[in-house]
C-alpha atoms as a PDB file:
ATOM      1  CA  MET A   1      12.332   9.739  24.638  1.00  0.00           C
ATOM      2  CA  PRO A   2      14.168   9.266  28.082  1.00  0.00           C
ATOM      3  CA  GLN A   3      13.723   5.622  28.206  1.00  0.00           C
ATOM      4  CA  ASN A   4      15.108   5.210  24.737  1.00  0.00           C
ATOM      5  CA  HIS A   5      18.813   6.494  25.800  1.00  0.00           C
ATOM      6  CA  ILE A   6      17.927   4.023  28.978  1.00  0.00           C
ATOM      7  CA  TYR A   7      17.752   1.219  26.952  1.00  0.00           C
ATOM      8  CA  LEU A   8      20.441   1.760  24.667  1.00  0.00           C
ATOM      9  CA  GLY A   9      23.133   2.777  27.387  1.00  0.00           C
ATOM     10  CA  CYS A  10      22.118  -0.208  29.493  1.00  0.00           C
ATOM     11  CA  ARG A  11      22.287  -2.617  26.579  1.00  0.00           C
ATOM     12  CA  THR A  12      26.122  -0.562  25.403  1.00  0.00           C
ATOM     13  CA  LEU A  13      27.492  -0.822  28.924  1.00  0.00           C
ATOM     14  CA  LEU A  14      26.057  -4.708  29.629  1.00  0.00           C
ATOM     15  CA  THR A  15      28.110  -5.460  25.858  1.00  0.00           C
ATOM     16  CA  ALA A  16      31.367  -3.614  26.868  1.00  0.00           C
ATOM     17  CA  THR A  17      31.767  -5.183  30.592  1.00  0.00           C
ATOM     18  CA  ASN A  18      30.746  -8.557  29.948  1.00  0.00           C
ATOM     19  CA  PRO A  19      29.687  -8.945  33.359  1.00  0.00           C
ATOM     20  CA  PHE A  20      29.862 -12.503  33.723  1.00  0.00           C
ATOM     21  CA  SER A  21      33.273 -12.694  33.165  1.00  0.00           C
ATOM     22  CA  SER A  22      34.391  -8.933  34.646  1.00  0.00           C
ATOM     23  CA  GLY A  23      34.614  -8.439  38.627  1.00  0.00           C
ATOM     24  CA  LEU A  24      31.644  -6.823  38.842  1.00  0.00           C
ATOM     25  CA  THR A  25      29.914  -8.362  42.256  1.00  0.00           C
ATOM     26  CA  ARG A  26      26.995 -10.644  41.592  1.00  0.00           C
ATOM     27  CA  GLN A  27      25.189  -8.521  43.001  1.00  0.00           C
ATOM     28  CA  MET A  28      25.863  -5.902  40.294  1.00  0.00           C
ATOM     29  CA  ASN A  29      25.017  -8.900  37.692  1.00  0.00           C
ATOM     30  CA  ASP A  30      21.892  -9.620  39.223  1.00  0.00           C
ATOM     31  CA  PHE A  31      21.189  -5.245  38.928  1.00  0.00           C
ATOM     32  CA  MET A  32      22.046  -4.779  35.578  1.00  0.00           C
ATOM     33  CA  LEU A  33      20.189  -7.790  34.279  1.00  0.00           C
ATOM     34  CA  ARG A  34      16.731  -6.842  35.730  1.00  0.00           C
ATOM     35  CA  PHE A  35      17.493  -3.239  34.646  1.00  0.00           C
ATOM     36  CA  TYR A  36      17.814  -4.427  31.153  1.00  0.00           C
ATOM     37  CA  ASN A  37      14.982  -5.980  30.812  1.00  0.00           C
ATOM     38  CA  TYR A  38      12.911  -3.487  32.713  1.00  0.00           C
ATOM     39  CA  THR A  39      14.042  -0.713  29.952  1.00  0.00           C
ATOM     40  CA  LEU A  40      13.460  -3.468  27.268  1.00  0.00           C
ATOM     41  CA  LEU A  41       9.978  -3.420  28.637  1.00  0.00           C
ATOM     42  CA  ILE A  42       9.785   0.356  28.432  1.00  0.00           C
ATOM     43  CA  LYS A  43      10.555   0.300  24.823  1.00  0.00           C
ATOM     44  CA  GLU A  44       8.259  -2.193  23.912  1.00  0.00           C
ATOM     45  CA  CYS A  45       5.185  -0.545  25.494  1.00  0.00           C
ATOM     46  CA  GLU A  46       6.403   3.093  23.789  1.00  0.00           C
ATOM     47  CA  ASP A  47       6.406   0.878  20.507  1.00  0.00           C
ATOM     48  CA  TRP A  48       2.573  -0.137  21.187  1.00  0.00           C
ATOM     49  CA  LEU A  49       1.716   3.777  21.913  1.00  0.00           C
ATOM     50  CA  LEU A  50      -0.551   4.934  19.597  1.00  0.00           C
ATOM     51  CA  LYS A  51       1.133   7.881  17.537  1.00  0.00           C
ATOM     52  CA  ILE A  52      -0.580  10.688  16.207  1.00  0.00           C
ATOM     53  CA  ASN A  53       0.774  13.226  13.298  1.00  0.00           C
ATOM     54  CA  ILE A  54      -0.990  16.551  12.808  1.00  0.00           C
ATOM     55  CA  ILE A  55       0.338  17.670   9.729  1.00  0.00           C
ATOM     56  CA  ILE A  56      -0.878  21.216   8.922  1.00  0.00           C
ATOM     57  CA  ILE A  57      -0.064  23.738   6.496  1.00  0.00           C
ATOM     58  CA  ASP A  58       1.417  26.691   8.490  1.00  0.00           C
ATOM     59  CA  LYS A  59       4.373  28.867   9.022  1.00  0.00           C
ATOM     60  CA  LYS A  60       6.153  27.429  11.933  1.00  0.00           C
ATOM     61  CA  GLY A  61       6.454  29.316  14.933  1.00  0.00           C
ATOM     62  CA  LYS A  62       5.006  29.169  18.549  1.00  0.00           C
ATOM     63  CA  ASP A  63       2.197  31.622  19.290  1.00  0.00           C
ATOM     64  CA  ALA A  64       2.319  33.288  23.339  1.00  0.00           C
ATOM     65  CA  LEU A  65      -1.619  32.836  23.350  1.00  0.00           C
ATOM     66  CA  TYR A  66      -2.174  28.779  21.870  1.00  0.00           C
ATOM     67  CA  ALA A  67       1.262  27.641  22.349  1.00  0.00           C
ATOM     68  CA  PRO A  68       0.685  26.781  25.927  1.00  0.00           C
ATOM     69  CA  LEU A  69      -2.738  25.241  25.385  1.00  0.00           C
ATOM     70  CA  ILE A  70      -1.696  22.886  22.629  1.00  0.00           C
ATOM     71  CA  GLU A  71       1.335  21.780  25.422  1.00  0.00           C
ATOM     72  CA  HIS A  72      -1.302  21.021  27.957  1.00  0.00           C
ATOM     73  CA  TYR A  73      -2.743  18.568  25.899  1.00  0.00           C
ATOM     74  CA  LYS A  74      -0.243  17.082  24.619  1.00  0.00           C
ATOM     75  CA  LYS A  75       0.886  16.400  28.154  1.00  0.00           C
ATOM     76  CA  LEU A  76      -2.634  15.412  29.198  1.00  0.00           C
ATOM     77  CA  ALA A  77      -2.821  12.624  26.147  1.00  0.00           C
ATOM     78  CA  ASN A  78       1.141  11.359  26.782  1.00  0.00           C
ATOM     79  CA  SER A  79      -0.265   8.671  28.441  1.00  0.00           C
ATOM     80  CA  PHE A  80      -2.084   7.572  25.787  1.00  0.00           C
ATOM     81  CA  ALA A  81      -0.907   8.568  22.586  1.00  0.00           C
ATOM     82  CA  ASP A  82       2.704  10.325  21.303  1.00  0.00           C
ATOM     83  CA  ILE A  83       1.392  13.093  19.325  1.00  0.00           C
ATOM     84  CA  GLN A  84       3.444  15.158  17.472  1.00  0.00           C
ATOM     85  CA  ILE A  85       2.540  18.770  15.154  1.00  0.00           C
ATOM     86  CA  ILE A  86       4.322  19.142  11.662  1.00  0.00           C
ATOM     87  CA  GLU A  87       3.981  22.586  10.199  1.00  0.00           C
ATOM     88  CA  LEU A  88       4.675  22.715   6.321  1.00  0.00           C
ATOM     89  CA  PHE A  89       5.130  25.835   4.349  1.00  0.00           C
ATOM     90  CA  ASP A  90       7.524  26.626   1.843  1.00  0.00           C
ATOM     91  CA  LYS A  91       8.084  28.826  -0.865  1.00  0.00           C
ATOM     92  CA  GLU A  92       6.180  26.573  -3.578  1.00  0.00           C
ATOM     93  CA  ILE A  93       3.300  27.051  -1.281  1.00  0.00           C
ATOM     94  CA  ALA A  94       3.586  30.817  -0.701  1.00  0.00           C
ATOM     95  CA  LYS A  95       3.641  31.137  -4.664  1.00  0.00           C
ATOM     96  CA  ALA A  96       0.851  29.203  -5.299  1.00  0.00           C
ATOM     97  CA  GLN A  97      -1.310  30.605  -3.109  1.00  0.00           C
ATOM     98  CA  ASP A  98      -0.956  33.795  -4.952  1.00  0.00           C
ATOM     99  CA  ILE A  99      -1.893  32.454  -8.459  1.00  0.00           C
ATOM    100  CA  SER A 100      -5.471  30.999  -7.788  1.00  0.00           C
ATOM    101  CA  PRO A 101      -7.078  28.787  -4.966  1.00  0.00           C
ATOM    102  CA  GLY A 102      -6.641  25.769  -7.379  1.00  0.00           C
ATOM    103  CA  ALA A 103      -2.762  26.147  -7.478  1.00  0.00           C
ATOM    104  CA  ALA A 104      -2.434  26.611  -3.340  1.00  0.00           C
ATOM    105  CA  GLN A 105      -4.806  23.215  -3.247  1.00  0.00           C
ATOM    106  CA  SER A 106      -2.497  21.038  -5.439  1.00  0.00           C
ATOM    107  CA  SER A 107       0.818  22.595  -3.538  1.00  0.00           C
ATOM    108  CA  TYR A 108      -1.074  21.733  -0.086  1.00  0.00           C
ATOM    109  CA  THR A 109      -1.869  17.883  -1.578  1.00  0.00           C
ATOM    110  CA  LYS A 110       1.808  18.076  -2.965  1.00  0.00           C
ATOM    111  CA  ALA A 111       3.419  18.868   0.939  1.00  0.00           C
ATOM    112  CA  PHE A 112       1.078  15.963   2.391  1.00  0.00           C
ATOM    113  CA  GLU A 113       1.295  13.262  -0.334  1.00  0.00           C
ATOM    114  CA  LYS A 114       4.565  11.887   1.511  1.00  0.00           C
ATOM    115  CA  TYR A 115       2.779  11.122   4.712  1.00  0.00           C
ATOM    116  CA  LEU A 116       0.033   9.079   3.404  1.00  0.00           C
ATOM    117  CA  SER A 117       1.444   5.868   2.587  1.00  0.00           C
ATOM    118  CA  SER A 118       1.714   5.378   6.397  1.00  0.00           C
ATOM    119  CA  GLY A 119      -0.809   5.411   8.864  1.00  0.00           C
ATOM    120  CA  HIS A 120      -4.550   6.037   9.296  1.00  0.00           C
ATOM    121  CA  ASN A 121      -5.336   9.313   7.429  1.00  0.00           C
ATOM    122  CA  ILE A 122      -8.288  12.193   8.619  1.00  0.00           C
ATOM    123  CA  ALA A 123      -8.602  15.271   6.641  1.00  0.00           C
ATOM    124  CA  LEU A 124     -10.088  17.939   8.534  1.00  0.00           C
ATOM    125  CA  ASP A 125     -12.884  19.314   6.178  1.00  0.00           C
ATOM    126  CA  PRO A 126     -15.531  21.985   6.501  1.00  0.00           C
ATOM    127  CA  SER A 127     -17.830  20.399   3.942  1.00  0.00           C
ATOM    128  CA  SER A 128     -17.461  16.902   5.201  1.00  0.00           C
ATOM    129  CA  LYS A 129     -19.618  14.873   7.414  1.00  0.00           C
ATOM    130  CA  GLU A 130     -19.291  16.298  11.373  1.00  0.00           C
ATOM    131  CA  VAL A 131     -18.428  14.179  14.233  1.00  0.00           C
ATOM    132  CA  ASP A 132     -19.646  14.404  17.713  1.00  0.00           C
ATOM    133  CA  SER A 133     -17.021  12.963  20.227  1.00  0.00           C
ATOM    134  CA  PHE A 134     -18.132   9.214  20.412  1.00  0.00           C
ATOM    135  CA  GLU A 135     -17.236   9.266  16.765  1.00  0.00           C
ATOM    136  CA  PHE A 136     -14.393  10.992  16.931  1.00  0.00           C
ATOM    137  CA  ALA A 137     -13.269   8.658  19.737  1.00  0.00           C
ATOM    138  CA  ASN A 138     -13.958   5.662  17.654  1.00  0.00           C
ATOM    139  CA  LEU A 139     -11.556   6.806  14.491  1.00  0.00           C
ATOM    140  CA  LEU A 140      -8.687   6.444  16.840  1.00  0.00           C
ATOM    141  CA  LYS A 141      -9.772   2.815  18.284  1.00  0.00           C
ATOM    142  CA  ASP A 142      -7.165  -0.055  17.386  1.00  0.00           C
ATOM    143  CA  ARG A 143      -4.911   2.179  15.591  1.00  0.00           C
ATOM    144  CA  GLY A 144      -1.003   2.240  15.219  1.00  0.00           C
ATOM    145  CA  VAL A 145      -0.556   5.515  13.340  1.00  0.00           C
ATOM    146  CA  VAL A 146      -3.208   8.301  12.464  1.00  0.00           C
ATOM    147  CA  ASN A 147      -2.686  11.456  10.557  1.00  0.00           C
ATOM    148  CA  PHE A 148      -4.453  14.116  10.987  1.00  0.00           C
ATOM    149  CA  TYR A 149      -4.445  17.041   8.010  1.00  0.00           C
ATOM    150  CA  ILE A 150      -5.448  20.836   7.982  1.00  0.00           C
ATOM    151  CA  GLY A 151      -4.899  22.188   4.501  1.00  0.00           C
ATOM    152  CA  GLY A 152      -3.894  26.030   4.190  1.00  0.00           C
ATOM    153  CA  ALA A 153      -6.092  29.365   3.431  1.00  0.00           C
ATOM    154  CA  PHE A 154      -7.793  28.061   0.159  1.00  0.00           C
ATOM    155  CA  GLY A 155      -8.647  24.441   1.873  1.00  0.00           C
ATOM    156  CA  LEU A 156      -8.021  20.807   0.793  1.00  0.00           C
ATOM    157  CA  GLU A 157      -8.905  19.407  -2.944  1.00  0.00           C
ATOM    158  CA  GLU A 158     -11.350  16.661  -3.669  1.00  0.00           C
ATOM    159  CA  ASN A 159      -8.293  14.917  -5.103  1.00  0.00           C
ATOM    160  CA  PHE A 160      -6.727  14.595  -1.552  1.00  0.00           C
ATOM    161  CA  LEU A 161      -9.753  14.205   0.246  1.00  0.00           C
ATOM    162  CA  SER A 162     -10.043  11.072  -2.133  1.00  0.00           C
ATOM    163  CA  GLN A 163      -7.307   9.336  -0.519  1.00  0.00           C
ATOM    164  CA  CYS A 164      -7.766   9.744   2.745  1.00  0.00           C
ATOM    165  CA  ASN A 165      -9.413   7.077   4.999  1.00  0.00           C
ATOM    166  CA  ASN A 166     -12.082   9.725   6.370  1.00  0.00           C
ATOM    167  CA  SER A 167     -12.896  13.016   5.877  1.00  0.00           C
ATOM    168  CA  ILE A 168     -14.454  14.789   8.756  1.00  0.00           C
ATOM    169  CA  SER A 169     -15.612  18.776   9.777  1.00  0.00           C
ATOM    170  CA  PHE A 170     -15.733  20.200  13.598  1.00  0.00           C
ATOM    171  CA  GLY A 171     -18.608  22.550  11.771  1.00  0.00           C
ATOM    172  CA  LYS A 172     -19.240  25.238   8.629  1.00  0.00           C
ATOM    173  CA  ILE A 173     -18.052  28.324  10.805  1.00  0.00           C
ATOM    174  CA  THR A 174     -13.993  29.488   9.970  1.00  0.00           C
ATOM    175  CA  LEU A 175     -11.281  28.885  12.534  1.00  0.00           C
ATOM    176  CA  SER A 176      -7.782  30.521  12.473  1.00  0.00           C
ATOM    177  CA  HIS A 177      -4.923  27.594  11.913  1.00  0.00           C
ATOM    178  CA  LYS A 178      -3.548  28.741  15.264  1.00  0.00           C
ATOM    179  CA  LEU A 179      -6.698  27.702  17.217  1.00  0.00           C
ATOM    180  CA  VAL A 180      -7.797  24.934  15.077  1.00  0.00           C
ATOM    181  CA  LYS A 181      -4.897  23.104  15.976  1.00  0.00           C
ATOM    182  CA  VAL A 182      -5.944  23.355  19.941  1.00  0.00           C
ATOM    183  CA  VAL A 183      -9.620  22.542  18.549  1.00  0.00           C
ATOM    184  CA  LEU A 184      -8.270  19.292  17.503  1.00  0.00           C
ATOM    185  CA  MET A 185      -5.879  18.834  20.000  1.00  0.00           C
ATOM    186  CA  GLU A 186      -8.665  18.941  22.361  1.00  0.00           C
ATOM    187  CA  GLN A 187     -10.628  16.644  21.056  1.00  0.00           C
ATOM    188  CA  ILE A 188      -7.814  14.350  20.769  1.00  0.00           C
ATOM    189  CA  PHE A 189      -7.781  13.784  24.498  1.00  0.00           C
ATOM    190  CA  ARG A 190     -10.846  13.755  24.485  1.00  0.00           C
ATOM    191  CA  GLY A 191     -11.362  10.659  22.433  1.00  0.00           C
ATOM    192  CA  LEU A 192      -8.163   9.114  24.054  1.00  0.00           C
ATOM    193  CA  ALA A 193     -10.010   9.753  27.471  1.00  0.00           C
ATOM    194  CA  ILE A 194     -13.751   8.233  26.085  1.00  0.00           C
ATOM    195  CA  ASN A 195     -11.754   5.137  24.585  1.00  0.00           C
ATOM    196  CA  HIS A 196      -9.876   5.018  28.239  1.00  0.00           C
ATOM    197  CA  ASN A 197     -12.477   5.497  30.368  1.00  0.00           C
ATOM    198  CA  HIS A 198     -10.735   8.118  31.259  1.00  0.00           C
ATOM    199  CA  PRO A 199     -13.319  10.805  33.553  1.00  0.00           C
ATOM    200  CA  TYR A 200     -12.273  14.028  31.650  1.00  0.00           C
ATOM    201  CA  HIS A 201     -15.132  13.110  29.537  1.00  0.00           C
ATOM    202  CA  LYS A 202     -18.568  13.713  31.352  1.00  0.00           C
END
């Protein structure tokens, strides 16, 4: 983030110039030290910010219809959380999907596994428990990192679901990958709004 660049630049400037032994004025020294302390505070606040990763089996690329909506909700949620969308798709997944549903699901698990070691892991699965917006908001409370997983065309295998902290459903209807990202983004912002008493949820 831009604040990190300010923090690093200010720290480098202070170290390089050693203002207490240079020709800089006392007022400049005081200003630089106050500014430096301010950037330290910003950095500390950033470290406390909730980090949310949406990890999805999908080909990379922006969609002209849905991408603006995703960016819209990312900006709305920016004060409460840093949200990243991680799209995963490679030759192994493409090949597995041509073999069988089971092979496809196994390839999704393999792609997701490296993200399971950190954060609170939540899988989106149509056959799992449906949650309302308040239950969803509760999943985001008191977390440092939350990872949401969206499988490919053949869904997620039980082996993967059992490794997640929660598996939830938005209903039994089928949504395209592009659209489910928008629905999830809206629910994330709604959940954050509930948790922070923001008037968005009424």
